[in-house]
Amino acid sequence: MTDTHASAKAPAAPAPERSKAELHADIEKTRADLRSTLDAIEFKLNVPKQTRHAVHRLKSSVNRFREANPVGFAVGVAGAVVTLGAVAVLGFRFASKK
């Protein structure tokens, strides 16, 4: 009885010879990749930095909208002021009835 599934692997080809400069370039690339990965992990885990980044993005978006559409921005601000005023008045009324 013969084993038809026997592994008959060909011998592995020898690794190509590389110069010291190529090895050093690979090491530096690996270090840069690792540094980038660690920076990304640190950014994801750093909640205060995430918050500052989100606030900066929001401010940039609001400024772009204000520059592109000043009338729409003014209407939005006025609507927000009216809404906050109405919530405050209704809140005070509700609190005073108790």
PDB file of N, CA and C in Angstrom:
ATOM      1  N   MET A   1       0.840  -1.163   0.000  1.00  0.00           N
ATOM      2  CA  MET A   1       0.000   0.000   0.000  1.00  0.00           C
ATOM      3  C   MET A   1       0.891   1.234   0.000  1.00  0.00           C
ATOM      4  N   THR A   2       0.638   2.142  -0.923  1.00  0.00           N
ATOM      5  CA  THR A   2       1.459   3.353  -1.020  1.00  0.00           C
ATOM      6  C   THR A   2       0.644   4.549  -0.579  1.00  0.00           C
ATOM      7  N   ASP A   3       1.299   5.509  -0.027  1.00  0.00           N
ATOM      8  CA  ASP A   3       0.634   6.743   0.433  1.00  0.00           C
ATOM      9  C   ASP A   3       0.644   7.749  -0.713  1.00  0.00           C
ATOM     10  N   THR A   4      -0.546   7.987  -1.282  1.00  0.00           N
ATOM     11  CA  THR A   4      -0.625   8.907  -2.421  1.00  0.00           C
ATOM     12  C   THR A   4      -0.587  10.364  -1.974  1.00  0.00           C
ATOM     13  N   HIS A   5      -0.767  10.590  -0.714  1.00  0.00           N
ATOM     14  CA  HIS A   5      -0.779  11.968  -0.212  1.00  0.00           C
ATOM     15  C   HIS A   5       0.531  12.343   0.467  1.00  0.00           C
ATOM     16  N   ALA A   6       1.547  11.573   0.233  1.00  0.00           N
ATOM     17  CA  ALA A   6       2.835  11.877   0.854  1.00  0.00           C
ATOM     18  C   ALA A   6       3.332  13.210   0.320  1.00  0.00           C
ATOM     19  N   SER A   7       3.891  13.968   1.195  1.00  0.00           N
ATOM     20  CA  SER A   7       4.356  15.292   0.763  1.00  0.00           C
ATOM     21  C   SER A   7       5.703  15.135   0.090  1.00  0.00           C
ATOM     22  N   ALA A   8       5.700  15.435  -1.171  1.00  0.00           N
ATOM     23  CA  ALA A   8       6.929  15.379  -1.950  1.00  0.00           C
ATOM     24  C   ALA A   8       7.280  16.811  -2.325  1.00  0.00           C
ATOM     25  N   LYS A   9       7.712  17.555  -1.325  1.00  0.00           N
ATOM     26  CA  LYS A   9       8.029  18.962  -1.568  1.00  0.00           C
ATOM     27  C   LYS A   9       9.396  19.076  -2.214  1.00  0.00           C
ATOM     28  N   ALA A  10       9.465  20.030  -3.112  1.00  0.00           N
ATOM     29  CA  ALA A  10      10.757  20.316  -3.717  1.00  0.00           C
ATOM     30  C   ALA A  10      11.574  21.106  -2.704  1.00  0.00           C
ATOM     31  N   PRO A  11      12.855  20.974  -2.727  1.00  0.00           N
ATOM     32  CA  PRO A  11      13.671  21.728  -1.779  1.00  0.00           C
ATOM     33  C   PRO A  11      13.453  23.229  -2.003  1.00  0.00           C
ATOM     34  N   ALA A  12      13.424  23.979  -0.908  1.00  0.00           N
ATOM     35  CA  ALA A  12      13.184  25.421  -0.987  1.00  0.00           C
ATOM     36  C   ALA A  12      14.345  26.099  -1.695  1.00  0.00           C
ATOM     37  N   ALA A  13      13.989  27.065  -2.499  1.00  0.00           N
ATOM     38  CA  ALA A  13      15.019  27.818  -3.209  1.00  0.00           C
ATOM     39  C   ALA A  13      15.762  28.684  -2.203  1.00  0.00           C
ATOM     40  N   PRO A  14      17.043  28.810  -2.332  1.00  0.00           N
ATOM     41  CA  PRO A  14      17.791  29.641  -1.393  1.00  0.00           C
ATOM     42  C   PRO A  14      17.383  31.110  -1.555  1.00  0.00           C
ATOM     43  N   ALA A  15      17.387  31.817  -0.438  1.00  0.00           N
ATOM     44  CA  ALA A  15      17.030  33.236  -0.471  1.00  0.00           C
ATOM     45  C   ALA A  15      18.075  33.995  -1.283  1.00  0.00           C
ATOM     46  N   PRO A  16      17.608  34.950  -2.061  1.00  0.00           N
ATOM     47  CA  PRO A  16      18.572  35.711  -2.863  1.00  0.00           C
ATOM     48  C   PRO A  16      19.485  36.528  -1.949  1.00  0.00           C
ATOM     49  N   GLU A  17      20.709  36.669  -2.355  1.00  0.00           N
ATOM     50  CA  GLU A  17      21.666  37.465  -1.588  1.00  0.00           C
ATOM     51  C   GLU A  17      21.280  38.937  -1.697  1.00  0.00           C
ATOM     52  N   ARG A  18      21.347  39.613  -0.553  1.00  0.00           N
ATOM     53  CA  ARG A  18      20.991  41.038  -0.547  1.00  0.00           C
ATOM     54  C   ARG A  18      22.147  41.827   0.041  1.00  0.00           C
ATOM     55  N   SER A  19      22.281  43.020  -0.465  1.00  0.00           N
ATOM     56  CA  SER A  19      23.380  43.850   0.017  1.00  0.00           C
ATOM     57  C   SER A  19      23.029  44.444   1.381  1.00  0.00           C
ATOM     58  N   LYS A  20      24.049  44.958   2.057  1.00  0.00           N
ATOM     59  CA  LYS A  20      23.827  45.589   3.348  1.00  0.00           C
ATOM     60  C   LYS A  20      22.898  46.789   3.199  1.00  0.00           C
ATOM     61  N   ALA A  21      23.047  47.535   2.130  1.00  0.00           N
ATOM     62  CA  ALA A  21      22.209  48.722   1.909  1.00  0.00           C
ATOM     63  C   ALA A  21      20.743  48.324   1.761  1.00  0.00           C
ATOM     64  N   GLU A  22      20.479  47.214   1.045  1.00  0.00           N
ATOM     65  CA  GLU A  22      19.099  46.746   0.895  1.00  0.00           C
ATOM     66  C   GLU A  22      18.520  46.295   2.230  1.00  0.00           C
ATOM     67  N   LEU A  23      19.326  45.601   3.021  1.00  0.00           N
ATOM     68  CA  LEU A  23      18.877  45.162   4.341  1.00  0.00           C
ATOM     69  C   LEU A  23      18.583  46.362   5.242  1.00  0.00           C
ATOM     70  N   HIS A  24      19.471  47.339   5.238  1.00  0.00           N
ATOM     71  CA  HIS A  24      19.253  48.537   6.061  1.00  0.00           C
ATOM     72  C   HIS A  24      18.011  49.304   5.594  1.00  0.00           C
ATOM     73  N   ALA A  25      17.791  49.358   4.283  1.00  0.00           N
ATOM     74  CA  ALA A  25      16.600  50.042   3.768  1.00  0.00           C
ATOM     75  C   ALA A  25      15.332  49.314   4.218  1.00  0.00           C
ATOM     76  N   ASP A  26      15.352  47.983   4.193  1.00  0.00           N
ATOM     77  CA  ASP A  26      14.199  47.203   4.656  1.00  0.00           C
ATOM     78  C   ASP A  26      13.955  47.416   6.152  1.00  0.00           C
ATOM     79  N   ILE A  27      15.041  47.446   6.923  1.00  0.00           N
ATOM     80  CA  ILE A  27      14.909  47.675   8.366  1.00  0.00           C
ATOM     81  C   ILE A  27      14.305  49.046   8.636  1.00  0.00           C
ATOM     82  N   GLU A  28      14.769  50.068   7.936  1.00  0.00           N
ATOM     83  CA  GLU A  28      14.235  51.424   8.135  1.00  0.00           C
ATOM     84  C   GLU A  28      12.772  51.510   7.724  1.00  0.00           C
ATOM     85  N   LYS A  29      12.412  50.815   6.635  1.00  0.00           N
ATOM     86  CA  LYS A  29      11.008  50.813   6.205  1.00  0.00           C
ATOM     87  C   LYS A  29      10.139  50.122   7.258  1.00  0.00           C
ATOM     88  N   THR A  30      10.622  49.014   7.797  1.00  0.00           N
ATOM     89  CA  THR A  30       9.880  48.297   8.843  1.00  0.00           C
ATOM     90  C   THR A  30       9.728  49.162  10.082  1.00  0.00           C
ATOM     91  N   ARG A  31      10.793  49.866  10.463  1.00  0.00           N
ATOM     92  CA  ARG A  31      10.711  50.769  11.616  1.00  0.00           C
ATOM     93  C   ARG A  31       9.691  51.878  11.376  1.00  0.00           C
ATOM     94  N   ALA A  32       9.695  52.446  10.186  1.00  0.00           N
ATOM     95  CA  ALA A  32       8.744  53.508   9.865  1.00  0.00           C
ATOM     96  C   ALA A  32       7.311  52.978   9.902  1.00  0.00           C
ATOM     97  N   ASP A  33       7.102  51.775   9.370  1.00  0.00           N
ATOM     98  CA  ASP A  33       5.769  51.158   9.407  1.00  0.00           C
ATOM     99  C   ASP A  33       5.320  50.918  10.841  1.00  0.00           C
ATOM    100  N   LEU A  34       6.226  50.416  11.669  1.00  0.00           N
ATOM    101  CA  LEU A  34       5.910  50.167  13.075  1.00  0.00           C
ATOM    102  C   LEU A  34       5.603  51.474  13.799  1.00  0.00           C
ATOM    103  N   ARG A  35       6.397  52.511  13.541  1.00  0.00           N
ATOM    104  CA  ARG A  35       6.161  53.818  14.153  1.00  0.00           C
ATOM    105  C   ARG A  35       4.786  54.357  13.761  1.00  0.00           C
ATOM    106  N   SER A  36       4.439  54.203  12.497  1.00  0.00           N
ATOM    107  CA  SER A  36       3.137  54.656  12.008  1.00  0.00           C
ATOM    108  C   SER A  36       2.004  53.883  12.679  1.00  0.00           C
ATOM    109  N   THR A  37       2.168  52.588  12.807  1.00  0.00           N
ATOM    110  CA  THR A  37       1.149  51.755  13.454  1.00  0.00           C
ATOM    111  C   THR A  37       0.981  52.136  14.919  1.00  0.00           C
ATOM    112  N   LEU A  38       2.094  52.333  15.620  1.00  0.00           N
ATOM    113  CA  LEU A  38       2.024  52.716  17.033  1.00  0.00           C
ATOM    114  C   LEU A  38       1.383  54.097  17.204  1.00  0.00           C
ATOM    115  N   ASP A  39       1.678  55.028  16.285  1.00  0.00           N
ATOM    116  CA  ASP A  39       1.052  56.348  16.345  1.00  0.00           C
ATOM    117  C   ASP A  39      -0.460  56.237  16.151  1.00  0.00           C
ATOM    118  N   ALA A  40      -0.881  55.387  15.225  1.00  0.00           N
ATOM    119  CA  ALA A  40      -2.318  55.203  14.984  1.00  0.00           C
ATOM    120  C   ALA A  40      -3.002  54.592  16.198  1.00  0.00           C
ATOM    121  N   ILE A  41      -2.357  53.626  16.836  1.00  0.00           N
ATOM    122  CA  ILE A  41      -2.926  53.001  18.039  1.00  0.00           C
ATOM    123  C   ILE A  41      -3.012  54.032  19.161  1.00  0.00           C
ATOM    124  N   GLU A  42      -1.944  54.808  19.337  1.00  0.00           N
ATOM    125  CA  GLU A  42      -1.930  55.838  20.390  1.00  0.00           C
ATOM    126  C   GLU A  42      -3.034  56.861  20.156  1.00  0.00           C
ATOM    127  N   PHE A  43      -3.243  57.256  18.897  1.00  0.00           N
ATOM    128  CA  PHE A  43      -4.284  58.229  18.571  1.00  0.00           C
ATOM    129  C   PHE A  43      -5.662  57.662  18.893  1.00  0.00           C
ATOM    130  N   LYS A  44      -5.889  56.405  18.562  1.00  0.00           N
ATOM    131  CA  LYS A  44      -7.194  55.785  18.820  1.00  0.00           C
ATOM    132  C   LYS A  44      -7.486  55.671  20.310  1.00  0.00           C
ATOM    133  N   LEU A  45      -6.457  55.451  21.127  1.00  0.00           N
ATOM    134  CA  LEU A  45      -6.659  55.251  22.558  1.00  0.00           C
ATOM    135  C   LEU A  45      -6.602  56.550  23.358  1.00  0.00           C
ATOM    136  N   ASN A  46      -6.179  57.651  22.744  1.00  0.00           N
ATOM    137  CA  ASN A  46      -6.034  58.919  23.442  1.00  0.00           C
ATOM    138  C   ASN A  46      -7.327  59.723  23.288  1.00  0.00           C
ATOM    139  N   VAL A  47      -8.222  59.608  24.270  1.00  0.00           N
ATOM    140  CA  VAL A  47      -9.543  60.245  24.183  1.00  0.00           C
ATOM    141  C   VAL A  47      -9.445  61.768  24.125  1.00  0.00           C
ATOM    142  N   PRO A  48      -8.621  62.425  24.938  1.00  0.00           N
ATOM    143  CA  PRO A  48      -8.536  63.886  24.825  1.00  0.00           C
ATOM    144  C   PRO A  48      -8.075  64.342  23.436  1.00  0.00           C
ATOM    145  N   LYS A  49      -7.132  63.626  22.861  1.00  0.00           N
ATOM    146  CA  LYS A  49      -6.666  63.984  21.519  1.00  0.00           C
ATOM    147  C   LYS A  49      -7.780  63.763  20.497  1.00  0.00           C
ATOM    148  N   GLN A  50      -8.531  62.667  20.647  1.00  0.00           N
ATOM    149  CA  GLN A  50      -9.662  62.392  19.759  1.00  0.00           C
ATOM    150  C   GLN A  50     -10.682  63.530  19.857  1.00  0.00           C
ATOM    151  N   THR A  51     -10.948  63.991  21.082  1.00  0.00           N
ATOM    152  CA  THR A  51     -11.920  65.062  21.291  1.00  0.00           C
ATOM    153  C   THR A  51     -11.452  66.351  20.633  1.00  0.00           C
ATOM    154  N   ARG A  52     -10.180  66.706  20.856  1.00  0.00           N
ATOM    155  CA  ARG A  52      -9.646  67.930  20.218  1.00  0.00           C
ATOM    156  C   ARG A  52      -9.740  67.831  18.701  1.00  0.00           C
ATOM    157  N   HIS A  53      -9.445  66.662  18.165  1.00  0.00           N
ATOM    158  CA  HIS A  53      -9.505  66.468  16.712  1.00  0.00           C
ATOM    159  C   HIS A  53     -10.948  66.616  16.206  1.00  0.00           C
ATOM    160  N   ALA A  54     -11.903  66.043  16.936  1.00  0.00           N
ATOM    161  CA  ALA A  54     -13.312  66.146  16.530  1.00  0.00           C
ATOM    162  C   ALA A  54     -13.796  67.595  16.594  1.00  0.00           C
ATOM    163  N   VAL A  55     -13.403  68.327  17.632  1.00  0.00           N
ATOM    164  CA  VAL A  55     -13.797  69.739  17.752  1.00  0.00           C
ATOM    165  C   VAL A  55     -13.193  70.542  16.613  1.00  0.00           C
ATOM    166  N   HIS A  56     -11.939  70.267  16.278  1.00  0.00           N
ATOM    167  CA  HIS A  56     -11.295  70.969  15.172  1.00  0.00           C
ATOM    168  C   HIS A  56     -12.023  70.695  13.848  1.00  0.00           C
ATOM    169  N   ARG A  57     -12.388  69.430  13.615  1.00  0.00           N
ATOM    170  CA  ARG A  57     -13.128  69.096  12.386  1.00  0.00           C
ATOM    171  C   ARG A  57     -14.471  69.802  12.342  1.00  0.00           C
ATOM    172  N   LEU A  58     -15.180  69.859  13.490  1.00  0.00           N
ATOM    173  CA  LEU A  58     -16.477  70.519  13.541  1.00  0.00           C
ATOM    174  C   LEU A  58     -16.340  72.014  13.266  1.00  0.00           C
ATOM    175  N   LYS A  59     -15.338  72.651  13.889  1.00  0.00           N
ATOM    176  CA  LYS A  59     -15.109  74.082  13.652  1.00  0.00           C
ATOM    177  C   LYS A  59     -14.806  74.347  12.177  1.00  0.00           C
ATOM    178  N   SER A  60     -13.988  73.500  11.582  1.00  0.00           N
ATOM    179  CA  SER A  60     -13.650  73.668  10.164  1.00  0.00           C
ATOM    180  C   SER A  60     -14.887  73.532   9.290  1.00  0.00           C
ATOM    181  N   SER A  61     -15.736  72.564   9.611  1.00  0.00           N
ATOM    182  CA  SER A  61     -16.966  72.373   8.827  1.00  0.00           C
ATOM    183  C   SER A  61     -17.889  73.571   8.955  1.00  0.00           C
ATOM    184  N   VAL A  62     -18.041  74.086  10.167  1.00  0.00           N
ATOM    185  CA  VAL A  62     -18.906  75.249  10.382  1.00  0.00           C
ATOM    186  C   VAL A  62     -18.349  76.460   9.644  1.00  0.00           C
ATOM    187  N   ASN A  63     -17.037  76.665   9.714  1.00  0.00           N
ATOM    188  CA  ASN A  63     -16.435  77.803   9.011  1.00  0.00           C
ATOM    189  C   ASN A  63     -16.594  77.691   7.499  1.00  0.00           C
ATOM    190  N   ARG A  64     -16.426  76.482   6.964  1.00  0.00           N
ATOM    191  CA  ARG A  64     -16.619  76.299   5.515  1.00  0.00           C
ATOM    192  C   ARG A  64     -18.066  76.583   5.134  1.00  0.00           C
ATOM    193  N   PHE A  65     -19.029  76.095   5.929  1.00  0.00           N
ATOM    194  CA  PHE A  65     -20.443  76.340   5.639  1.00  0.00           C
ATOM    195  C   PHE A  65     -20.753  77.834   5.728  1.00  0.00           C
ATOM    196  N   ARG A  66     -20.212  78.505   6.758  1.00  0.00           N
ATOM    197  CA  ARG A  66     -20.456  79.943   6.932  1.00  0.00           C
ATOM    198  C   ARG A  66     -19.921  80.734   5.739  1.00  0.00           C
ATOM    199  N   GLU A  67     -18.729  80.369   5.248  1.00  0.00           N
ATOM    200  CA  GLU A  67     -18.159  81.079   4.102  1.00  0.00           C
ATOM    201  C   GLU A  67     -18.926  80.785   2.814  1.00  0.00           C
ATOM    202  N   ALA A  68     -19.381  79.551   2.646  1.00  0.00           N
ATOM    203  CA  ALA A  68     -20.074  79.169   1.418  1.00  0.00           C
ATOM    204  C   ALA A  68     -21.519  79.653   1.399  1.00  0.00           C
ATOM    205  N   ASN A  69     -22.153  79.757   2.571  1.00  0.00           N
ATOM    206  CA  ASN A  69     -23.574  80.087   2.629  1.00  0.00           C
ATOM    207  C   ASN A  69     -23.856  80.962   3.856  1.00  0.00           C
ATOM    208  N   PRO A  70     -23.508  82.265   3.780  1.00  0.00           N
ATOM    209  CA  PRO A  70     -23.681  83.129   4.957  1.00  0.00           C
ATOM    210  C   PRO A  70     -25.147  83.285   5.376  1.00  0.00           C
ATOM    211  N   VAL A  71     -26.072  83.318   4.424  1.00  0.00           N
ATOM    212  CA  VAL A  71     -27.490  83.465   4.771  1.00  0.00           C
ATOM    213  C   VAL A  71     -27.980  82.202   5.488  1.00  0.00           C
ATOM    214  N   GLY A  72     -27.648  81.055   4.969  1.00  0.00           N
ATOM    215  CA  GLY A  72     -28.038  79.800   5.611  1.00  0.00           C
ATOM    216  C   GLY A  72     -27.436  79.679   7.001  1.00  0.00           C
ATOM    217  N   PHE A  73     -26.209  80.147   7.157  1.00  0.00           N
ATOM    218  CA  PHE A  73     -25.569  80.118   8.471  1.00  0.00           C
ATOM    219  C   PHE A  73     -26.320  81.016   9.447  1.00  0.00           C
ATOM    220  N   ALA A  74     -26.681  82.224   9.000  1.00  0.00           N
ATOM    221  CA  ALA A  74     -27.405  83.158   9.867  1.00  0.00           C
ATOM    222  C   ALA A  74     -28.772  82.588  10.255  1.00  0.00           C
ATOM    223  N   VAL A  75     -29.459  81.970   9.299  1.00  0.00           N
ATOM    224  CA  VAL A  75     -30.760  81.373   9.589  1.00  0.00           C
ATOM    225  C   VAL A  75     -30.590  80.220  10.589  1.00  0.00           C
ATOM    226  N   GLY A  76     -29.563  79.422  10.425  1.00  0.00           N
ATOM    227  CA  GLY A  76     -29.309  78.318  11.344  1.00  0.00           C
ATOM    228  C   GLY A  76     -29.006  78.802  12.753  1.00  0.00           C
ATOM    229  N   VAL A  77     -28.200  79.855  12.868  1.00  0.00           N
ATOM    230  CA  VAL A  77     -27.881  80.409  14.188  1.00  0.00           C
ATOM    231  C   VAL A  77     -29.142  80.980  14.828  1.00  0.00           C
ATOM    232  N   ALA A  78     -29.936  81.720  14.045  1.00  0.00           N
ATOM    233  CA  ALA A  78     -31.176  82.286  14.587  1.00  0.00           C
ATOM    234  C   ALA A  78     -32.120  81.171  15.042  1.00  0.00           C
ATOM    235  N   GLY A  79     -32.233  80.125  14.263  1.00  0.00           N
ATOM    236  CA  GLY A  79     -33.082  78.989  14.641  1.00  0.00           C
ATOM    237  C   GLY A  79     -32.600  78.325  15.923  1.00  0.00           C
ATOM    238  N   ALA A  80     -31.282  78.194  16.068  1.00  0.00           N
ATOM    239  CA  ALA A  80     -30.732  77.587  17.286  1.00  0.00           C
ATOM    240  C   ALA A  80     -31.012  78.464  18.501  1.00  0.00           C
ATOM    241  N   VAL A  81     -30.888  79.788  18.340  1.00  0.00           N
ATOM    242  CA  VAL A  81     -31.158  80.714  19.455  1.00  0.00           C
ATOM    243  C   VAL A  81     -32.630  80.638  19.861  1.00  0.00           C
ATOM    244  N   VAL A  82     -33.522  80.635  18.873  1.00  0.00           N
ATOM    245  CA  VAL A  82     -34.958  80.551  19.171  1.00  0.00           C
ATOM    246  C   VAL A  82     -35.271  79.225  19.859  1.00  0.00           C
ATOM    247  N   THR A  83     -34.713  78.143  19.373  1.00  0.00           N
ATOM    248  CA  THR A  83     -34.957  76.827  19.970  1.00  0.00           C
ATOM    249  C   THR A  83     -34.457  76.775  21.414  1.00  0.00           C
ATOM    250  N   LEU A  84     -33.258  77.271  21.656  1.00  0.00           N
ATOM    251  CA  LEU A  84     -32.728  77.277  23.022  1.00  0.00           C
ATOM    252  C   LEU A  84     -33.565  78.165  23.942  1.00  0.00           C
ATOM    253  N   GLY A  85     -34.017  79.300  23.419  1.00  0.00           N
ATOM    254  CA  GLY A  85     -34.883  80.182  24.212  1.00  0.00           C
ATOM    255  C   GLY A  85     -36.192  79.503  24.562  1.00  0.00           C
ATOM    256  N   ALA A  86     -36.794  78.824  23.594  1.00  0.00           N
ATOM    257  CA  ALA A  86     -38.062  78.135  23.838  1.00  0.00           C
ATOM    258  C   ALA A  86     -37.870  77.008  24.854  1.00  0.00           C
ATOM    259  N   VAL A  87     -36.787  76.266  24.745  1.00  0.00           N
ATOM    260  CA  VAL A  87     -36.522  75.195  25.698  1.00  0.00           C
ATOM    261  C   VAL A  87     -36.333  75.774  27.100  1.00  0.00           C
ATOM    262  N   ALA A  88     -35.641  76.898  27.198  1.00  0.00           N
ATOM    263  CA  ALA A  88     -35.423  77.526  28.508  1.00  0.00           C
ATOM    264  C   ALA A  88     -36.740  77.995  29.112  1.00  0.00           C
ATOM    265  N   VAL A  89     -37.564  78.670  28.311  1.00  0.00           N
ATOM    266  CA  VAL A  89     -38.844  79.168  28.820  1.00  0.00           C
ATOM    267  C   VAL A  89     -39.738  78.007  29.253  1.00  0.00           C
ATOM    268  N   LEU A  90     -39.859  77.001  28.413  1.00  0.00           N
ATOM    269  CA  LEU A  90     -40.694  75.842  28.764  1.00  0.00           C
ATOM    270  C   LEU A  90     -40.134  75.107  29.984  1.00  0.00           C
ATOM    271  N   GLY A  91     -38.838  75.039  30.091  1.00  0.00           N
ATOM    272  CA  GLY A  91     -38.226  74.389  31.243  1.00  0.00           C
ATOM    273  C   GLY A  91     -38.533  75.141  32.525  1.00  0.00           C
ATOM    274  N   PHE A  92     -38.418  76.458  32.479  1.00  0.00           N
ATOM    275  CA  PHE A  92     -38.729  77.262  33.664  1.00  0.00           C
ATOM    276  C   PHE A  92     -40.205  77.152  34.031  1.00  0.00           C
ATOM    277  N   ARG A  93     -41.073  77.152  33.029  1.00  0.00           N
ATOM    278  CA  ARG A  93     -42.517  77.001  33.314  1.00  0.00           C
ATOM    279  C   ARG A  93     -42.807  75.655  33.957  1.00  0.00           C
ATOM    280  N   PHE A  94     -42.212  74.610  33.393  1.00  0.00           N
ATOM    281  CA  PHE A  94     -42.431  73.274  33.926  1.00  0.00           C
ATOM    282  C   PHE A  94     -41.902  73.177  35.356  1.00  0.00           C
ATOM    283  N   ALA A  95     -40.737  73.754  35.604  1.00  0.00           N
ATOM    284  CA  ALA A  95     -40.136  73.690  36.942  1.00  0.00           C
ATOM    285  C   ALA A  95     -40.949  74.499  37.947  1.00  0.00           C
ATOM    286  N   SER A  96     -41.548  75.620  37.504  1.00  0.00           N
ATOM    287  CA  SER A  96     -42.291  76.465  38.448  1.00  0.00           C
ATOM    288  C   SER A  96     -43.664  75.866  38.785  1.00  0.00           C
ATOM    289  N   LYS A  97     -44.188  74.957  37.958  1.00  0.00           N
ATOM    290  CA  LYS A  97     -45.496  74.347  38.224  1.00  0.00           C
ATOM    291  C   LYS A  97     -45.398  73.252  39.277  1.00  0.00           C
ATOM    292  N   LYS A  98     -44.234  72.765  39.565  1.00  0.00           N
ATOM    293  CA  LYS A  98     -44.081  71.670  40.527  1.00  0.00           C
ATOM    294  C   LYS A  98     -44.061  72.160  41.927  1.00  0.00           C
TER     295      LYS A  98
END
